[in-house]
Amino acid sequence: LFVFFSSTTAIGHAYPELFLWACVVYFAAGIAIVIGGRRLSPNLRATTFVHAMVDAVAISLLLFSSGGVASGIGILFVVPVGAMALLADSRDAFVLAALATLALFAQQIGSHWVGQATTSDYPSAGILGGIVFLVALLAWPIARRLRDTEATVRRQQVDLANLAQLSQYIVQ
């Protein structure tokens, strides 16, 4: 969409080539993580952190190439942080939110340094960082409930297997 409609939108206007390449590499990295994530690293925690780092760097580059927080695409941080907070442990969810917020502030400082953003954009970046932490905080009880439900299902599977084995013994 950026290639076809780049002249009518402010997204990617500051550095269009960087925006396009960041999109391409972000897409390729996402596919590589999905395909190779389980095969190369069955550890969910490691895969989650790799994915969170890729998200933070890619979205920061997209934000930087669009002129900073004023472009409005900083809200893209919310979805990956929320999803990763559901997959990670409670402490890890806040670490992921901190990584995203640090990436957000780093790109804002970079945008200000090269003259794309003004000092009045820093409060917006701070509010967006707070929203990212709020999403991680709100995802925490949902993630805990999902883990409890998963443990209950596993226990019920074991119980059903035991009952099936008991039924076979009775039939014999």
N, C-alpha and C. Protein backbone atom coordinates (compact mmCIF):
# COMPACT_ATOMS: atom_id res chain seq x y z
N LEU A 1 0.82 -1.19 0.00
CA LEU A 1 0.00 0.00 0.00
C LEU A 1 0.86 1.26 0.00
N PHE A 2 1.98 1.19 0.72
CA PHE A 2 2.87 2.34 0.77
C PHE A 2 3.41 2.67 -0.62
N VAL A 3 3.73 1.65 -1.39
CA VAL A 3 4.28 1.87 -2.74
C VAL A 3 3.25 2.53 -3.63
N PHE A 4 2.00 2.12 -3.52
CA PHE A 4 0.96 2.64 -4.41
C PHE A 4 0.39 3.99 -3.95
N PHE A 5 0.31 4.21 -2.65
CA PHE A 5 -0.35 5.41 -2.14
C PHE A 5 0.60 6.30 -1.34
N SER A 6 1.89 6.23 -1.55
CA SER A 6 2.84 6.98 -0.73
C SER A 6 2.70 8.48 -0.89
N SER A 7 2.22 8.95 -2.01
CA SER A 7 2.11 10.40 -2.20
C SER A 7 0.92 11.00 -1.46
N THR A 8 -0.03 10.19 -1.07
CA THR A 8 -1.23 10.72 -0.42
C THR A 8 -1.24 10.53 1.09
N THR A 9 -0.21 9.99 1.65
CA THR A 9 -0.18 9.74 3.09
C THR A 9 1.10 10.28 3.71
N ALA A 10 1.04 10.58 4.99
CA ALA A 10 2.22 11.07 5.71
C ALA A 10 3.07 9.94 6.25
N ILE A 11 2.59 8.72 6.13
CA ILE A 11 3.34 7.58 6.65
C ILE A 11 4.54 7.33 5.75
N GLY A 12 5.71 7.30 6.36
CA GLY A 12 6.94 7.05 5.62
C GLY A 12 7.44 8.24 4.83
N HIS A 13 6.94 9.42 5.09
CA HIS A 13 7.30 10.58 4.28
C HIS A 13 8.72 11.08 4.54
N ALA A 14 9.25 10.90 5.75
CA ALA A 14 10.57 11.44 6.07
C ALA A 14 11.68 10.67 5.36
N TYR A 15 11.63 9.37 5.41
CA TYR A 15 12.61 8.50 4.76
C TYR A 15 11.87 7.36 4.07
N PRO A 16 11.37 7.58 2.85
CA PRO A 16 10.56 6.56 2.18
C PRO A 16 11.30 5.25 1.92
N GLU A 17 12.58 5.34 1.56
CA GLU A 17 13.34 4.11 1.28
C GLU A 17 13.52 3.28 2.55
N LEU A 18 13.82 3.96 3.66
CA LEU A 18 13.96 3.26 4.93
C LEU A 18 12.65 2.61 5.33
N PHE A 19 11.54 3.33 5.13
CA PHE A 19 10.23 2.79 5.47
C PHE A 19 9.94 1.53 4.67
N LEU A 20 10.19 1.58 3.37
CA LEU A 20 9.92 0.43 2.51
C LEU A 20 10.78 -0.77 2.90
N TRP A 21 12.08 -0.54 3.11
CA TRP A 21 12.95 -1.65 3.48
C TRP A 21 12.64 -2.18 4.87
N ALA A 22 12.26 -1.30 5.78
CA ALA A 22 11.89 -1.77 7.11
C ALA A 22 10.65 -2.66 7.04
N CYS A 23 9.69 -2.29 6.19
CA CYS A 23 8.49 -3.13 6.01
C CYS A 23 8.85 -4.49 5.44
N VAL A 24 9.71 -4.51 4.43
CA VAL A 24 10.09 -5.76 3.78
C VAL A 24 10.85 -6.67 4.76
N VAL A 25 11.82 -6.10 5.46
CA VAL A 25 12.62 -6.90 6.40
C VAL A 25 11.77 -7.35 7.59
N TYR A 26 10.87 -6.50 8.05
CA TYR A 26 9.98 -6.86 9.16
C TYR A 26 9.08 -8.03 8.77
N PHE A 27 8.54 -7.98 7.56
CA PHE A 27 7.69 -9.07 7.07
C PHE A 27 8.49 -10.37 6.96
N ALA A 28 9.69 -10.29 6.39
CA ALA A 28 10.53 -11.48 6.25
C ALA A 28 10.94 -12.04 7.61
N ALA A 29 11.27 -11.16 8.54
CA ALA A 29 11.65 -11.62 9.88
C ALA A 29 10.47 -12.27 10.59
N GLY A 30 9.28 -11.72 10.41
CA GLY A 30 8.08 -12.32 11.01
C GLY A 30 7.83 -13.72 10.48
N ILE A 31 7.98 -13.90 9.18
CA ILE A 31 7.81 -15.23 8.59
C ILE A 31 8.88 -16.18 9.10
N ALA A 32 10.11 -15.71 9.18
CA ALA A 32 11.21 -16.56 9.66
C ALA A 32 11.00 -16.97 11.12
N ILE A 33 10.48 -16.06 11.93
CA ILE A 33 10.24 -16.40 13.34
C ILE A 33 9.11 -17.41 13.45
N VAL A 34 8.07 -17.25 12.66
CA VAL A 34 6.95 -18.20 12.71
C VAL A 34 7.39 -19.57 12.24
N ILE A 35 8.13 -19.63 11.14
CA ILE A 35 8.55 -20.92 10.59
C ILE A 35 9.63 -21.56 11.45
N GLY A 36 10.64 -20.79 11.81
CA GLY A 36 11.77 -21.37 12.52
C GLY A 36 11.68 -21.29 14.03
N GLY A 37 10.70 -20.58 14.55
CA GLY A 37 10.62 -20.38 15.99
C GLY A 37 10.50 -21.66 16.78
N ARG A 38 9.61 -22.52 16.38
CA ARG A 38 9.41 -23.77 17.11
C ARG A 38 10.49 -24.79 16.81
N ARG A 39 10.97 -24.77 15.57
CA ARG A 39 11.97 -25.76 15.18
C ARG A 39 13.33 -25.47 15.79
N LEU A 40 13.76 -24.21 15.72
CA LEU A 40 15.09 -23.87 16.19
C LEU A 40 15.14 -23.66 17.70
N SER A 41 14.11 -23.08 18.25
CA SER A 41 14.09 -22.82 19.68
C SER A 41 12.72 -23.19 20.25
N PRO A 42 12.59 -24.41 20.76
CA PRO A 42 11.29 -24.79 21.32
C PRO A 42 10.96 -24.04 22.61
N ASN A 43 11.92 -23.28 23.12
CA ASN A 43 11.70 -22.50 24.32
C ASN A 43 10.84 -21.29 23.98
N LEU A 44 9.64 -21.24 24.51
CA LEU A 44 8.69 -20.16 24.21
C LEU A 44 9.21 -18.82 24.69
N ARG A 45 9.91 -18.80 25.80
CA ARG A 45 10.44 -17.54 26.34
C ARG A 45 11.46 -16.93 25.40
N ALA A 46 12.38 -17.73 24.88
CA ALA A 46 13.39 -17.20 23.96
C ALA A 46 12.75 -16.71 22.67
N THR A 47 11.80 -17.48 22.14
CA THR A 47 11.12 -17.08 20.91
C THR A 47 10.35 -15.78 21.13
N THR A 48 9.72 -15.64 22.28
CA THR A 48 8.97 -14.43 22.60
C THR A 48 9.89 -13.22 22.65
N PHE A 49 11.05 -13.37 23.28
CA PHE A 49 11.96 -12.24 23.38
C PHE A 49 12.56 -11.88 22.02
N VAL A 50 12.87 -12.86 21.20
CA VAL A 50 13.37 -12.56 19.86
C VAL A 50 12.32 -11.81 19.06
N HIS A 51 11.10 -12.29 19.13
CA HIS A 51 10.01 -11.63 18.41
C HIS A 51 9.78 -10.21 18.93
N ALA A 52 9.86 -10.03 20.23
CA ALA A 52 9.67 -8.69 20.81
C ALA A 52 10.78 -7.74 20.38
N MET A 53 11.99 -8.23 20.31
CA MET A 53 13.11 -7.38 19.86
C MET A 53 12.93 -6.98 18.39
N VAL A 54 12.54 -7.94 17.57
CA VAL A 54 12.29 -7.64 16.15
C VAL A 54 11.17 -6.62 16.02
N ASP A 55 10.10 -6.80 16.78
CA ASP A 55 8.98 -5.85 16.75
C ASP A 55 9.43 -4.46 17.16
N ALA A 56 10.18 -4.37 18.26
CA ALA A 56 10.61 -3.07 18.76
C ALA A 56 11.48 -2.34 17.76
N VAL A 57 12.44 -3.04 17.18
CA VAL A 57 13.35 -2.40 16.22
C VAL A 57 12.60 -2.01 14.95
N ALA A 58 11.78 -2.91 14.43
CA ALA A 58 11.08 -2.63 13.17
C ALA A 58 10.07 -1.49 13.32
N ILE A 59 9.29 -1.52 14.37
CA ILE A 59 8.30 -0.46 14.55
C ILE A 59 8.98 0.87 14.83
N SER A 60 10.11 0.84 15.53
CA SER A 60 10.87 2.08 15.75
C SER A 60 11.38 2.64 14.43
N LEU A 61 11.86 1.78 13.56
CA LEU A 61 12.32 2.25 12.25
C LEU A 61 11.16 2.80 11.42
N LEU A 62 10.02 2.14 11.47
CA LEU A 62 8.84 2.64 10.75
C LEU A 62 8.41 3.99 11.30
N LEU A 63 8.46 4.13 12.60
CA LEU A 63 8.08 5.38 13.23
C LEU A 63 9.08 6.49 12.90
N PHE A 64 10.36 6.17 12.95
CA PHE A 64 11.40 7.14 12.62
C PHE A 64 11.28 7.61 11.18
N SER A 65 11.05 6.67 10.28
CA SER A 65 10.97 7.03 8.86
C SER A 65 9.69 7.79 8.54
N SER A 66 8.75 7.80 9.47
CA SER A 66 7.50 8.55 9.27
C SER A 66 7.50 9.90 9.98
N GLY A 67 8.58 10.23 10.66
CA GLY A 67 8.66 11.53 11.30
C GLY A 67 8.44 11.53 12.79
N GLY A 68 8.39 10.37 13.42
CA GLY A 68 8.26 10.31 14.87
C GLY A 68 6.85 10.01 15.34
N VAL A 69 6.60 10.29 16.60
CA VAL A 69 5.33 9.97 17.23
C VAL A 69 4.18 10.74 16.61
N ALA A 70 4.46 11.92 16.08
CA ALA A 70 3.41 12.75 15.49
C ALA A 70 2.74 12.09 14.29
N SER A 71 3.40 11.09 13.69
CA SER A 71 2.81 10.40 12.54
C SER A 71 1.62 9.54 12.92
N GLY A 72 1.54 9.12 14.19
CA GLY A 72 0.41 8.34 14.65
C GLY A 72 0.56 6.85 14.54
N ILE A 73 1.65 6.37 13.96
CA ILE A 73 1.78 4.92 13.82
C ILE A 73 2.46 4.27 15.02
N GLY A 74 2.73 5.05 16.05
CA GLY A 74 3.30 4.50 17.27
C GLY A 74 2.36 3.54 17.97
N ILE A 75 1.08 3.64 17.65
CA ILE A 75 0.10 2.73 18.24
C ILE A 75 0.37 1.29 17.83
N LEU A 76 1.19 1.10 16.81
CA LEU A 76 1.56 -0.26 16.40
C LEU A 76 2.29 -1.02 17.50
N PHE A 77 2.84 -0.31 18.47
CA PHE A 77 3.51 -0.99 19.59
C PHE A 77 2.53 -1.75 20.47
N VAL A 78 1.27 -1.35 20.48
CA VAL A 78 0.30 -1.93 21.40
C VAL A 78 0.01 -3.40 21.09
N VAL A 79 -0.18 -3.73 19.84
CA VAL A 79 -0.56 -5.10 19.47
C VAL A 79 0.54 -6.12 19.79
N PRO A 80 1.78 -5.90 19.37
CA PRO A 80 2.81 -6.90 19.72
C PRO A 80 3.06 -7.02 21.22
N VAL A 81 3.01 -5.89 21.92
CA VAL A 81 3.24 -5.96 23.37
C VAL A 81 2.10 -6.73 24.04
N GLY A 82 0.87 -6.48 23.61
CA GLY A 82 -0.26 -7.22 24.17
C GLY A 82 -0.18 -8.70 23.88
N ALA A 83 0.17 -9.05 22.64
CA ALA A 83 0.27 -10.46 22.27
C ALA A 83 1.42 -11.14 23.01
N MET A 84 2.55 -10.47 23.10
CA MET A 84 3.69 -11.06 23.80
C MET A 84 3.43 -11.15 25.30
N ALA A 85 2.66 -10.20 25.83
CA ALA A 85 2.32 -10.26 27.25
C ALA A 85 1.44 -11.46 27.55
N LEU A 86 0.63 -11.86 26.59
CA LEU A 86 -0.19 -13.06 26.78
C LEU A 86 0.65 -14.32 26.75
N LEU A 87 1.74 -14.31 25.98
CA LEU A 87 2.58 -15.50 25.86
C LEU A 87 3.63 -15.59 26.96
N ALA A 88 4.07 -14.45 27.46
CA ALA A 88 5.17 -14.43 28.42
C ALA A 88 4.66 -14.55 29.85
N ASP A 89 5.60 -14.77 30.76
CA ASP A 89 5.28 -14.75 32.18
C ASP A 89 5.00 -13.31 32.61
N SER A 90 4.53 -13.14 33.82
CA SER A 90 4.12 -11.81 34.27
C SER A 90 5.29 -10.83 34.29
N ARG A 91 6.44 -11.26 34.80
CA ARG A 91 7.60 -10.35 34.82
C ARG A 91 8.08 -10.05 33.42
N ASP A 92 8.07 -11.08 32.57
CA ASP A 92 8.54 -10.89 31.20
C ASP A 92 7.65 -9.93 30.41
N ALA A 93 6.38 -9.90 30.74
CA ALA A 93 5.47 -8.98 30.04
C ALA A 93 5.89 -7.53 30.29
N PHE A 94 6.31 -7.23 31.49
CA PHE A 94 6.75 -5.87 31.79
C PHE A 94 8.13 -5.58 31.19
N VAL A 95 8.97 -6.58 31.08
CA VAL A 95 10.25 -6.40 30.39
C VAL A 95 10.00 -6.10 28.91
N LEU A 96 9.05 -6.81 28.30
CA LEU A 96 8.72 -6.56 26.90
C LEU A 96 8.14 -5.16 26.72
N ALA A 97 7.31 -4.72 27.66
CA ALA A 97 6.76 -3.36 27.59
C ALA A 97 7.88 -2.33 27.75
N ALA A 98 8.83 -2.62 28.62
CA ALA A 98 9.97 -1.70 28.81
C ALA A 98 10.82 -1.63 27.54
N LEU A 99 11.04 -2.79 26.90
CA LEU A 99 11.80 -2.78 25.64
C LEU A 99 11.10 -1.94 24.58
N ALA A 100 9.80 -2.10 24.46
CA ALA A 100 9.05 -1.33 23.47
C ALA A 100 9.09 0.16 23.79
N THR A 101 8.97 0.50 25.06
CA THR A 101 9.00 1.91 25.45
C THR A 101 10.37 2.52 25.23
N LEU A 102 11.43 1.76 25.54
CA LEU A 102 12.78 2.26 25.28
C LEU A 102 13.01 2.45 23.78
N ALA A 103 12.53 1.54 22.97
CA ALA A 103 12.65 1.70 21.52
C ALA A 103 11.87 2.92 21.04
N LEU A 104 10.71 3.15 21.63
CA LEU A 104 9.90 4.32 21.29
C LEU A 104 10.64 5.60 21.63
N PHE A 105 11.21 5.67 22.82
CA PHE A 105 11.95 6.87 23.22
C PHE A 105 13.23 7.04 22.40
N ALA A 106 13.90 5.94 22.06
CA ALA A 106 15.12 6.03 21.25
C ALA A 106 14.82 6.61 19.87
N GLN A 107 13.73 6.15 19.25
CA GLN A 107 13.41 6.71 17.94
C GLN A 107 12.97 8.15 18.06
N GLN A 108 12.31 8.51 19.18
CA GLN A 108 11.88 9.90 19.35
C GLN A 108 13.09 10.81 19.52
N ILE A 109 14.07 10.35 20.27
CA ILE A 109 15.30 11.13 20.43
C ILE A 109 16.01 11.25 19.09
N GLY A 110 16.06 10.15 18.32
CA GLY A 110 16.68 10.19 17.00
C GLY A 110 15.94 11.13 16.05
N SER A 111 14.62 11.09 16.09
CA SER A 111 13.83 11.99 15.24
C SER A 111 14.05 13.44 15.62
N HIS A 112 14.15 13.70 16.91
CA HIS A 112 14.41 15.07 17.36
C HIS A 112 15.81 15.52 16.98
N TRP A 113 16.74 14.61 17.08
CA TRP A 113 18.14 14.91 16.79
C TRP A 113 18.35 15.29 15.32
N VAL A 114 17.66 14.59 14.41
CA VAL A 114 17.82 14.91 12.98
C VAL A 114 16.86 16.00 12.52
N GLY A 115 16.05 16.52 13.43
CA GLY A 115 15.20 17.65 13.11
C GLY A 115 13.82 17.32 12.57
N GLN A 116 13.39 16.08 12.69
CA GLN A 116 12.07 15.69 12.21
C GLN A 116 10.98 15.92 13.24
N ALA A 117 11.35 15.92 14.50
CA ALA A 117 10.37 16.04 15.58
C ALA A 117 10.72 17.23 16.46
N THR A 118 9.73 17.74 17.13
CA THR A 118 9.95 18.86 18.05
C THR A 118 9.89 18.37 19.48
N THR A 119 10.25 19.25 20.39
CA THR A 119 10.22 18.86 21.81
C THR A 119 8.79 18.64 22.30
N SER A 120 7.82 19.18 21.59
CA SER A 120 6.43 18.99 22.01
C SER A 120 5.93 17.57 21.74
N ASP A 121 6.72 16.76 21.02
CA ASP A 121 6.34 15.37 20.76
C ASP A 121 6.72 14.43 21.90
N TYR A 122 7.57 14.88 22.82
CA TYR A 122 7.99 14.01 23.92
C TYR A 122 6.84 13.61 24.86
N PRO A 123 5.94 14.53 25.21
CA PRO A 123 4.80 14.08 26.03
C PRO A 123 3.95 13.01 25.34
N SER A 124 3.78 13.13 24.02
CA SER A 124 3.04 12.11 23.29
C SER A 124 3.75 10.77 23.36
N ALA A 125 5.07 10.81 23.26
CA ALA A 125 5.85 9.57 23.37
C ALA A 125 5.71 8.98 24.77
N GLY A 126 5.72 9.83 25.79
CA GLY A 126 5.55 9.35 27.16
C GLY A 126 4.17 8.73 27.38
N ILE A 127 3.15 9.37 26.84
CA ILE A 127 1.79 8.82 26.97
C ILE A 127 1.69 7.49 26.26
N LEU A 128 2.27 7.40 25.07
CA LEU A 128 2.24 6.14 24.33
C LEU A 128 3.01 5.06 25.09
N GLY A 129 4.13 5.41 25.71
CA GLY A 129 4.86 4.45 26.55
C GLY A 129 4.02 3.98 27.72
N GLY A 130 3.27 4.90 28.32
CA GLY A 130 2.36 4.53 29.41
C GLY A 130 1.26 3.60 28.94
N ILE A 131 0.75 3.84 27.73
CA ILE A 131 -0.29 2.97 27.17
C ILE A 131 0.27 1.57 26.94
N VAL A 132 1.52 1.50 26.48
CA VAL A 132 2.15 0.19 26.26
C VAL A 132 2.24 -0.58 27.58
N PHE A 133 2.64 0.10 28.65
CA PHE A 133 2.69 -0.56 29.96
C PHE A 133 1.30 -0.93 30.45
N LEU A 134 0.32 -0.09 30.18
CA LEU A 134 -1.05 -0.39 30.58
C LEU A 134 -1.57 -1.64 29.88
N VAL A 135 -1.23 -1.79 28.61
CA VAL A 135 -1.64 -2.99 27.86
C VAL A 135 -1.00 -4.23 28.48
N ALA A 136 0.29 -4.14 28.82
CA ALA A 136 0.97 -5.27 29.46
C ALA A 136 0.34 -5.59 30.82
N LEU A 137 -0.02 -4.55 31.56
CA LEU A 137 -0.65 -4.75 32.87
C LEU A 137 -2.03 -5.39 32.73
N LEU A 138 -2.80 -4.97 31.74
CA LEU A 138 -4.13 -5.52 31.54
C LEU A 138 -4.10 -6.93 30.96
N ALA A 139 -3.05 -7.26 30.23
CA ALA A 139 -2.93 -8.61 29.67
C ALA A 139 -2.47 -9.62 30.71
N TRP A 140 -1.89 -9.15 31.80
CA TRP A 140 -1.35 -10.05 32.82
C TRP A 140 -2.41 -10.96 33.43
N PRO A 141 -3.56 -10.47 33.93
CA PRO A 141 -4.55 -11.41 34.49
C PRO A 141 -5.15 -12.34 33.45
N ILE A 142 -5.29 -11.85 32.22
CA ILE A 142 -5.81 -12.71 31.15
C ILE A 142 -4.83 -13.84 30.88
N ALA A 143 -3.55 -13.52 30.83
CA ALA A 143 -2.53 -14.55 30.59
C ALA A 143 -2.51 -15.57 31.72
N ARG A 144 -2.65 -15.10 32.96
CA ARG A 144 -2.67 -16.02 34.10
C ARG A 144 -3.87 -16.96 34.01
N ARG A 145 -5.02 -16.41 33.65
CA ARG A 145 -6.22 -17.24 33.52
C ARG A 145 -6.07 -18.25 32.38
N LEU A 146 -5.46 -17.85 31.28
CA LEU A 146 -5.22 -18.78 30.16
C LEU A 146 -4.30 -19.92 30.58
N ARG A 147 -3.24 -19.58 31.35
CA ARG A 147 -2.34 -20.64 31.82
C ARG A 147 -3.04 -21.60 32.78
N ASP A 148 -3.89 -21.06 33.66
CA ASP A 148 -4.65 -21.91 34.58
C ASP A 148 -5.60 -22.82 33.81
N THR A 149 -6.26 -22.29 32.81
CA THR A 149 -7.18 -23.09 31.99
C THR A 149 -6.42 -24.17 31.24
N GLU A 150 -5.25 -23.83 30.72
CA GLU A 150 -4.43 -24.83 30.01
C GLU A 150 -4.01 -25.95 30.95
N ALA A 151 -3.64 -25.61 32.18
CA ALA A 151 -3.26 -26.64 33.16
C ALA A 151 -4.45 -27.53 33.50
N THR A 152 -5.64 -26.94 33.61
CA THR A 152 -6.84 -27.73 33.89
C THR A 152 -7.13 -28.69 32.75
N VAL A 153 -6.98 -28.23 31.52
CA VAL A 153 -7.21 -29.09 30.35
C VAL A 153 -6.22 -30.25 30.34
N ARG A 154 -4.97 -29.97 30.66
CA ARG A 154 -3.96 -31.04 30.69
C ARG A 154 -4.30 -32.08 31.76
N ARG A 155 -4.74 -31.60 32.93
CA ARG A 155 -5.12 -32.55 33.99
C ARG A 155 -6.31 -33.40 33.55
N GLN A 156 -7.27 -32.78 32.87
CA GLN A 156 -8.44 -33.51 32.40
C GLN A 156 -8.06 -34.52 31.32
N GLN A 157 -7.08 -34.21 30.50
CA GLN A 157 -6.62 -35.17 29.49
C GLN A 157 -6.01 -36.40 30.16
N VAL A 158 -5.24 -36.17 31.19
CA VAL A 158 -4.65 -37.29 31.93
C VAL A 158 -5.74 -38.12 32.59
N ASP A 159 -6.73 -37.46 33.17
CA ASP A 159 -7.85 -38.17 33.80
C ASP A 159 -8.62 -39.00 32.77
N LEU A 160 -8.87 -38.42 31.60
CA LEU A 160 -9.58 -39.16 30.54
C LEU A 160 -8.77 -40.36 30.06
N ALA A 161 -7.47 -40.19 29.95
CA ALA A 161 -6.62 -41.32 29.54
C ALA A 161 -6.67 -42.42 30.59
N ASN A 162 -6.65 -42.04 31.86
CA ASN A 162 -6.73 -43.04 32.93
C ASN A 162 -8.09 -43.75 32.91
N LEU A 163 -9.17 -43.00 32.68
CA LEU A 163 -10.49 -43.62 32.61
C LEU A 163 -10.60 -44.56 31.41
N ALA A 164 -10.01 -44.18 30.29
CA ALA A 164 -10.03 -45.06 29.13
C ALA A 164 -9.27 -46.35 29.40
N GLN A 165 -8.15 -46.23 30.09
CA GLN A 165 -7.37 -47.42 30.44
C GLN A 165 -8.15 -48.29 31.44
N LEU A 166 -8.83 -47.68 32.39
CA LEU A 166 -9.64 -48.41 33.35
C LEU A 166 -10.79 -49.13 32.63
N SER A 167 -11.40 -48.46 31.66
CA SER A 167 -12.48 -49.09 30.89
C SER A 167 -11.95 -50.30 30.15
N GLN A 168 -10.77 -50.21 29.59
CA GLN A 168 -10.20 -51.37 28.88
C GLN A 168 -9.97 -52.53 29.84
N TYR A 169 -9.48 -52.26 31.04
CA TYR A 169 -9.27 -53.32 32.02
C TYR A 169 -10.58 -53.98 32.41
N ILE A 170 -11.64 -53.15 32.55
CA ILE A 170 -12.96 -53.69 32.92
C ILE A 170 -13.47 -54.59 31.81
N VAL A 171 -13.32 -54.16 30.55
CA VAL A 171 -13.79 -54.94 29.40
C VAL A 171 -13.01 -56.26 29.33
N GLN A 172 -11.73 -56.22 29.60
CA GLN A 172 -10.92 -57.45 29.54
C GLN A 172 -11.34 -58.39 30.65
